[in-house]
Amino acid sequence: MPVYVIADGRAPDPSKLDEYRRRNAELVPAHGGRFLVRGGDSEVLEGDWNPSRLVVMEFPDHEAARAWYDSPEYVELRKQRQANGETDMVLVEGA
């Protein structure tokens, strides 16, 4: 069953995450994933959520998504992302 990683990121200086984005763009497919959304405009339809930069990734299953998230390469990238902004991220099963 496919799973989705949904992230909402906020960075005071987005240029500091250029390397993170470039390297993660290679790392996600290496773990069987693909990007469905990478930033872009969004429109709030209900509620008071005010997303900054939404990213949606699809993986074939929970194990593949965790393999990406827990990989040594992404652990290092994650430190870079966390040092330069804030992110809310969830892993959710698809239908």
Protein backbone atom coordinates (compact mmCIF):
# COMPACT_ATOMS: atom_id res chain seq x y z
CA MET A 1 0.00 0.00 0.00
CA PRO A 2 1.48 3.41 -0.90
CA VAL A 3 2.30 5.86 1.85
CA TYR A 4 2.76 9.59 1.73
CA VAL A 5 5.12 11.91 3.54
CA ILE A 6 3.55 15.35 3.89
CA ALA A 7 5.76 18.20 5.07
CA ASP A 8 5.15 21.88 5.69
CA GLY A 9 8.45 23.75 5.92
CA ARG A 10 9.32 27.26 7.03
CA ALA A 11 12.77 28.77 6.56
CA PRO A 12 13.81 32.38 7.23
CA ASP A 13 16.37 32.11 4.40
CA PRO A 14 15.24 29.43 1.91
CA SER A 15 18.53 29.68 -0.01
CA LYS A 16 20.24 27.94 2.93
CA LEU A 17 18.25 24.82 2.02
CA ASP A 18 19.30 24.68 -1.65
CA GLU A 19 21.79 21.85 -1.01
CA TYR A 20 19.21 19.99 1.09
CA ARG A 21 16.65 20.17 -1.72
CA ARG A 22 19.17 19.13 -4.37
CA ARG A 23 20.46 16.14 -2.42
CA ASN A 24 17.02 15.02 -1.25
CA ALA A 25 15.77 15.15 -4.86
CA GLU A 26 18.26 12.32 -5.53
CA LEU A 27 17.72 10.47 -2.25
CA VAL A 28 13.93 10.09 -2.41
CA PRO A 29 13.92 8.21 -5.77
CA ALA A 30 16.84 6.08 -4.56
CA HIS A 31 14.42 4.74 -1.91
CA GLY A 32 11.57 4.13 -4.34
CA GLY A 33 9.83 7.43 -3.69
CA ARG A 34 8.74 10.30 -5.86
CA PHE A 35 7.72 13.89 -5.33
CA LEU A 36 4.08 14.74 -5.97
CA VAL A 37 4.26 18.32 -4.66
CA ARG A 38 7.37 20.48 -4.14
CA GLY A 39 6.31 23.92 -3.00
CA GLY A 40 4.04 25.86 -5.28
CA ASP A 41 0.95 27.86 -4.50
CA SER A 42 -1.64 26.51 -2.09
CA GLU A 43 -5.11 27.65 -1.13
CA VAL A 44 -6.68 27.05 2.27
CA LEU A 45 -10.16 25.67 1.78
CA GLU A 46 -11.13 25.25 5.44
CA GLY A 47 -9.71 26.00 8.85
CA ASP A 48 -6.90 28.28 9.94
CA TRP A 49 -3.96 26.32 8.55
CA ASN A 50 -1.52 28.64 6.79
CA PRO A 51 1.01 26.37 5.06
CA SER A 52 4.35 27.82 4.02
CA ARG A 53 6.00 25.34 1.65
CA LEU A 54 4.20 22.03 1.20
CA VAL A 55 5.98 18.92 0.00
CA VAL A 56 4.25 15.60 -0.67
CA MET A 57 6.25 12.45 -1.39
CA GLU A 58 4.88 9.04 -2.30
CA PHE A 59 6.62 5.79 -1.37
CA PRO A 60 5.56 2.25 -2.27
CA ASP A 61 5.16 1.25 1.38
CA HIS A 62 5.88 2.19 4.98
CA GLU A 63 9.22 0.36 4.98
CA ALA A 64 10.51 2.32 1.96
CA ALA A 65 9.50 5.64 3.51
CA ARG A 66 11.21 4.78 6.80
CA ALA A 67 14.28 3.52 4.93
CA TRP A 68 14.55 6.99 3.32
CA TYR A 69 13.87 8.89 6.56
CA ASP A 70 16.24 6.77 8.67
CA SER A 71 19.00 6.44 6.06
CA PRO A 72 22.41 7.81 7.10
CA GLU A 73 22.30 10.21 4.15
CA TYR A 74 18.96 11.68 5.14
CA VAL A 75 19.86 11.83 8.82
CA GLU A 76 22.67 14.22 7.80
CA LEU A 77 20.37 16.20 5.50
CA ARG A 78 17.75 16.38 8.23
CA LYS A 79 20.26 18.10 10.52
CA GLN A 80 20.84 20.73 7.84
CA ARG A 81 17.11 21.27 7.38
CA GLN A 82 16.47 21.49 11.12
CA ALA A 83 19.29 24.00 11.60
CA ASN A 84 17.82 26.34 8.99
CA GLY A 85 14.09 26.25 9.60
CA GLU A 86 11.10 24.43 11.05
CA THR A 87 9.13 21.58 9.53
CA ASP A 88 5.96 19.71 10.41
CA MET A 89 5.99 16.26 8.80
CA VAL A 90 3.69 13.26 8.85
CA LEU A 91 3.71 9.80 7.30
CA VAL A 92 0.25 8.64 6.26
CA GLU A 93 -1.07 5.48 4.59
CA GLY A 94 -2.74 5.82 1.21
CA ALA A 95 -6.12 4.43 0.25
